[in-house]
Amino acid sequence: MASGITDSSLIYHLQNAKEHGVTQKEIAAIITHVAFYAGWPKGWAVFNLAKEV
């Protein structure tokens, strides 16, 4: 996310987290936390990708 890469590797990691019990709220919290450091434009791009997953 910090690099701005929102390709199939990020989709894989989101799906893997979901399969291992990470909740939607936990994923949103992680993205929000990282967005403060990486920048909100990158955060919003990942939020939109996470919604699809």
PDB file of N, CA and C in Angstrom:
ATOM      1  N   MET A   1       0.822  -1.184   0.000  1.00  0.00           N
ATOM      2  CA  MET A   1       0.000   0.000   0.000  1.00  0.00           C
ATOM      3  C   MET A   1       0.869   1.250   0.000  1.00  0.00           C
ATOM      4  N   ALA A   2       1.906   1.268   0.800  1.00  0.00           N
ATOM      5  CA  ALA A   2       2.757   2.448   0.891  1.00  0.00           C
ATOM      6  C   ALA A   2       3.445   2.749  -0.432  1.00  0.00           C
ATOM      7  N   SER A   3       3.669   1.721  -1.241  1.00  0.00           N
ATOM      8  CA  SER A   3       4.298   1.910  -2.546  1.00  0.00           C
ATOM      9  C   SER A   3       3.298   2.292  -3.624  1.00  0.00           C
ATOM     10  N   GLY A   4       2.014   2.229  -3.294  1.00  0.00           N
ATOM     11  CA  GLY A   4       0.983   2.538  -4.271  1.00  0.00           C
ATOM     12  C   GLY A   4       0.658   1.385  -5.191  1.00  0.00           C
ATOM     13  N   ILE A   5       1.103   0.193  -4.827  1.00  0.00           N
ATOM     14  CA  ILE A   5       0.863  -0.981  -5.668  1.00  0.00           C
ATOM     15  C   ILE A   5      -0.439  -1.644  -5.232  1.00  0.00           C
ATOM     16  N   THR A   6      -1.399  -1.654  -6.138  1.00  0.00           N
ATOM     17  CA  THR A   6      -2.694  -2.276  -5.844  1.00  0.00           C
ATOM     18  C   THR A   6      -2.980  -3.319  -6.926  1.00  0.00           C
ATOM     19  N   ASP A   7      -2.107  -4.288  -7.031  1.00  0.00           N
ATOM     20  CA  ASP A   7      -2.258  -5.314  -8.059  1.00  0.00           C
ATOM     21  C   ASP A   7      -2.711  -6.632  -7.435  1.00  0.00           C
ATOM     22  N   SER A   8      -2.521  -7.702  -8.164  1.00  0.00           N
ATOM     23  CA  SER A   8      -3.000  -9.016  -7.719  1.00  0.00           C
ATOM     24  C   SER A   8      -2.327  -9.484  -6.426  1.00  0.00           C
ATOM     25  N   SER A   9      -1.134  -8.998  -6.135  1.00  0.00           N
ATOM     26  CA  SER A   9      -0.481  -9.431  -4.894  1.00  0.00           C
ATOM     27  C   SER A   9      -1.226  -8.882  -3.682  1.00  0.00           C
ATOM     28  N   LEU A  10      -1.705  -7.656  -3.750  1.00  0.00           N
ATOM     29  CA  LEU A  10      -2.485  -7.104  -2.643  1.00  0.00           C
ATOM     30  C   LEU A  10      -3.825  -7.815  -2.518  1.00  0.00           C
ATOM     31  N   ILE A  11      -4.429  -8.138  -3.646  1.00  0.00           N
ATOM     32  CA  ILE A  11      -5.686  -8.899  -3.630  1.00  0.00           C
ATOM     33  C   ILE A  11      -5.453 -10.240  -2.935  1.00  0.00           C
ATOM     34  N   TYR A  12      -4.352 -10.907  -3.264  1.00  0.00           N
ATOM     35  CA  TYR A  12      -4.021 -12.188  -2.623  1.00  0.00           C
ATOM     36  C   TYR A  12      -3.901 -12.024  -1.110  1.00  0.00           C
ATOM     37  N   HIS A  13      -3.205 -10.998  -0.665  1.00  0.00           N
ATOM     38  CA  HIS A  13      -3.001 -10.804   0.774  1.00  0.00           C
ATOM     39  C   HIS A  13      -4.318 -10.495   1.489  1.00  0.00           C
ATOM     40  N   LEU A  14      -5.180  -9.714   0.860  1.00  0.00           N
ATOM     41  CA  LEU A  14      -6.487  -9.423   1.453  1.00  0.00           C
ATOM     42  C   LEU A  14      -7.349 -10.682   1.538  1.00  0.00           C
ATOM     43  N   GLN A  15      -7.348 -11.479   0.469  1.00  0.00           N
ATOM     44  CA  GLN A  15      -8.118 -12.730   0.477  1.00  0.00           C
ATOM     45  C   GLN A  15      -7.568 -13.692   1.514  1.00  0.00           C
ATOM     46  N   ASN A  16      -6.258 -13.777   1.623  1.00  0.00           N
ATOM     47  CA  ASN A  16      -5.628 -14.674   2.584  1.00  0.00           C
ATOM     48  C   ASN A  16      -5.959 -14.248   4.014  1.00  0.00           C
ATOM     49  N   ALA A  17      -5.926 -12.940   4.280  1.00  0.00           N
ATOM     50  CA  ALA A  17      -6.284 -12.441   5.604  1.00  0.00           C
ATOM     51  C   ALA A  17      -7.730 -12.805   5.932  1.00  0.00           C
ATOM     52  N   LYS A  18      -8.610 -12.602   4.967  1.00  0.00           N
ATOM     53  CA  LYS A  18     -10.029 -12.914   5.150  1.00  0.00           C
ATOM     54  C   LYS A  18     -10.234 -14.403   5.438  1.00  0.00           C
ATOM     55  N   GLU A  19      -9.530 -15.249   4.708  1.00  0.00           N
ATOM     56  CA  GLU A  19      -9.646 -16.698   4.904  1.00  0.00           C
ATOM     57  C   GLU A  19      -9.121 -17.143   6.266  1.00  0.00           C
ATOM     58  N   HIS A  20      -8.241 -16.360   6.846  1.00  0.00           N
ATOM     59  CA  HIS A  20      -7.660 -16.712   8.141  1.00  0.00           C
ATOM     60  C   HIS A  20      -8.306 -15.961   9.305  1.00  0.00           C
ATOM     61  N   GLY A  21      -9.473 -15.381   9.054  1.00  0.00           N
ATOM     62  CA  GLY A  21     -10.264 -14.843  10.146  1.00  0.00           C
ATOM     63  C   GLY A  21     -10.132 -13.366  10.437  1.00  0.00           C
ATOM     64  N   VAL A  22      -9.387 -12.637   9.610  1.00  0.00           N
ATOM     65  CA  VAL A  22      -9.298 -11.196   9.822  1.00  0.00           C
ATOM     66  C   VAL A  22     -10.632 -10.599   9.372  1.00  0.00           C
ATOM     67  N   THR A  23     -11.250  -9.814  10.239  1.00  0.00           N
ATOM     68  CA  THR A  23     -12.575  -9.278   9.947  1.00  0.00           C
ATOM     69  C   THR A  23     -12.502  -8.025   9.066  1.00  0.00           C
ATOM     70  N   GLN A  24     -13.658  -7.658   8.538  1.00  0.00           N
ATOM     71  CA  GLN A  24     -13.763  -6.460   7.709  1.00  0.00           C
ATOM     72  C   GLN A  24     -13.352  -5.218   8.509  1.00  0.00           C
ATOM     73  N   LYS A  25     -13.776  -5.161   9.751  1.00  0.00           N
ATOM     74  CA  LYS A  25     -13.429  -4.010  10.600  1.00  0.00           C
ATOM     75  C   LYS A  25     -11.932  -3.957  10.868  1.00  0.00           C
ATOM     76  N   GLU A  26     -11.302  -5.111  11.054  1.00  0.00           N
ATOM     77  CA  GLU A  26      -9.859  -5.146  11.301  1.00  0.00           C
ATOM     78  C   GLU A  26      -9.081  -4.702  10.061  1.00  0.00           C
ATOM     79  N   ILE A  27      -9.522  -5.150   8.889  1.00  0.00           N
ATOM     80  CA  ILE A  27      -8.855  -4.739   7.653  1.00  0.00           C
ATOM     81  C   ILE A  27      -8.999  -3.230   7.463  1.00  0.00           C
ATOM     82  N   ALA A  28     -10.201  -2.705   7.715  1.00  0.00           N
ATOM     83  CA  ALA A  28     -10.423  -1.262   7.593  1.00  0.00           C
ATOM     84  C   ALA A  28      -9.546  -0.488   8.565  1.00  0.00           C
ATOM     85  N   ALA A  29      -9.374  -0.997   9.769  1.00  0.00           N
ATOM     86  CA  ALA A  29      -8.529  -0.332  10.762  1.00  0.00           C
ATOM     87  C   ALA A  29      -7.066  -0.318  10.316  1.00  0.00           C
ATOM     88  N   ILE A  30      -6.616  -1.405   9.749  1.00  0.00           N
ATOM     89  CA  ILE A  30      -5.228  -1.479   9.274  1.00  0.00           C
ATOM     90  C   ILE A  30      -5.007  -0.488   8.131  1.00  0.00           C
ATOM     91  N   ILE A  31      -5.935  -0.473   7.177  1.00  0.00           N
ATOM     92  CA  ILE A  31      -5.806   0.441   6.039  1.00  0.00           C
ATOM     93  C   ILE A  31      -5.818   1.892   6.523  1.00  0.00           C
ATOM     94  N   THR A  32      -6.720   2.213   7.449  1.00  0.00           N
ATOM     95  CA  THR A  32      -6.808   3.566   7.989  1.00  0.00           C
ATOM     96  C   THR A  32      -5.503   3.962   8.664  1.00  0.00           C
ATOM     97  N   HIS A  33      -4.961   3.064   9.466  1.00  0.00           N
ATOM     98  CA  HIS A  33      -3.714   3.347  10.178  1.00  0.00           C
ATOM     99  C   HIS A  33      -2.576   3.615   9.196  1.00  0.00           C
ATOM    100  N   VAL A  34      -2.443   2.769   8.191  1.00  0.00           N
ATOM    101  CA  VAL A  34      -1.356   2.932   7.226  1.00  0.00           C
ATOM    102  C   VAL A  34      -1.560   4.186   6.380  1.00  0.00           C
ATOM    103  N   ALA A  35      -2.822   4.538   6.097  1.00  0.00           N
ATOM    104  CA  ALA A  35      -3.105   5.710   5.267  1.00  0.00           C
ATOM    105  C   ALA A  35      -2.578   6.998   5.902  1.00  0.00           C
ATOM    106  N   PHE A  36      -2.528   7.060   7.227  1.00  0.00           N
ATOM    107  CA  PHE A  36      -1.975   8.244   7.886  1.00  0.00           C
ATOM    108  C   PHE A  36      -0.499   8.437   7.527  1.00  0.00           C
ATOM    109  N   TYR A  37       0.207   7.349   7.285  1.00  0.00           N
ATOM    110  CA  TYR A  37       1.631   7.420   6.970  1.00  0.00           C
ATOM    111  C   TYR A  37       1.902   7.397   5.471  1.00  0.00           C
ATOM    112  N   ALA A  38       1.136   6.613   4.725  1.00  0.00           N
ATOM    113  CA  ALA A  38       1.379   6.449   3.291  1.00  0.00           C
ATOM    114  C   ALA A  38       0.673   7.507   2.450  1.00  0.00           C
ATOM    115  N   GLY A  39      -0.354   8.113   3.017  1.00  0.00           N
ATOM    116  CA  GLY A  39      -1.116   9.120   2.286  1.00  0.00           C
ATOM    117  C   GLY A  39      -2.523   8.635   1.991  1.00  0.00           C
ATOM    118  N   TRP A  40      -3.467   9.561   2.074  1.00  0.00           N
ATOM    119  CA  TRP A  40      -4.880   9.197   1.896  1.00  0.00           C
ATOM    120  C   TRP A  40      -5.232   8.772   0.483  1.00  0.00           C
ATOM    121  N   PRO A  41      -4.622   9.333  -0.573  1.00  0.00           N
ATOM    122  CA  PRO A  41      -4.957   8.832  -1.906  1.00  0.00           C
ATOM    123  C   PRO A  41      -4.658   7.339  -2.063  1.00  0.00           C
ATOM    124  N   LYS A  42      -3.528   6.913  -1.513  1.00  0.00           N
ATOM    125  CA  LYS A  42      -3.196   5.484  -1.568  1.00  0.00           C
ATOM    126  C   LYS A  42      -4.159   4.678  -0.694  1.00  0.00           C
ATOM    127  N   GLY A  43      -4.511   5.238   0.442  1.00  0.00           N
ATOM    128  CA  GLY A  43      -5.463   4.568   1.329  1.00  0.00           C
ATOM    129  C   GLY A  43      -6.808   4.355   0.672  1.00  0.00           C
ATOM    130  N   TRP A  44      -7.325   5.395  -0.008  1.00  0.00           N
ATOM    131  CA  TRP A  44      -8.627   5.261  -0.673  1.00  0.00           C
ATOM    132  C   TRP A  44      -8.574   4.231  -1.788  1.00  0.00           C
ATOM    133  N   ALA A  45      -7.463   4.170  -2.509  1.00  0.00           N
ATOM    134  CA  ALA A  45      -7.323   3.167  -3.570  1.00  0.00           C
ATOM    135  C   ALA A  45      -7.398   1.761  -2.983  1.00  0.00           C
ATOM    136  N   VAL A  46      -6.755   1.571  -1.832  1.00  0.00           N
ATOM    137  CA  VAL A  46      -6.772   0.246  -1.196  1.00  0.00           C
ATOM    138  C   VAL A  46      -8.144  -0.045  -0.591  1.00  0.00           C
ATOM    139  N   PHE A  47      -8.816   0.968  -0.032  1.00  0.00           N
ATOM    140  CA  PHE A  47     -10.175   0.752   0.475  1.00  0.00           C
ATOM    141  C   PHE A  47     -11.091   0.254  -0.635  1.00  0.00           C
ATOM    142  N   ASN A  48     -10.998   0.880  -1.803  1.00  0.00           N
ATOM    143  CA  ASN A  48     -11.838   0.460  -2.918  1.00  0.00           C
ATOM    144  C   ASN A  48     -11.519  -0.954  -3.359  1.00  0.00           C
ATOM    145  N   LEU A  49     -10.251  -1.318  -3.351  1.00  0.00           N
ATOM    146  CA  LEU A  49      -9.848  -2.678  -3.709  1.00  0.00           C
ATOM    147  C   LEU A  49     -10.337  -3.664  -2.645  1.00  0.00           C
ATOM    148  N   ALA A  50     -10.218  -3.301  -1.398  1.00  0.00           N
ATOM    149  CA  ALA A  50     -10.654  -4.184  -0.304  1.00  0.00           C
ATOM    150  C   ALA A  50     -12.157  -4.431  -0.350  1.00  0.00           C
ATOM    151  N   LYS A  51     -12.927  -3.441  -0.769  1.00  0.00           N
ATOM    152  CA  LYS A  51     -14.383  -3.623  -0.890  1.00  0.00           C
ATOM    153  C   LYS A  51     -14.704  -4.713  -1.898  1.00  0.00           C
ATOM    154  N   GLU A  52     -13.930  -4.773  -2.975  1.00  0.00           N
ATOM    155  CA  GLU A  52     -14.146  -5.792  -4.002  1.00  0.00           C
ATOM    156  C   GLU A  52     -13.833  -7.191  -3.485  1.00  0.00           C
ATOM    157  N   VAL A  53     -12.840  -7.273  -2.611  1.00  0.00           N
ATOM    158  CA  VAL A  53     -12.438  -8.576  -2.066  1.00  0.00           C
ATOM    159  C   VAL A  53     -13.435  -8.985  -1.011  1.00  0.00           C
TER     160      VAL A  53
END
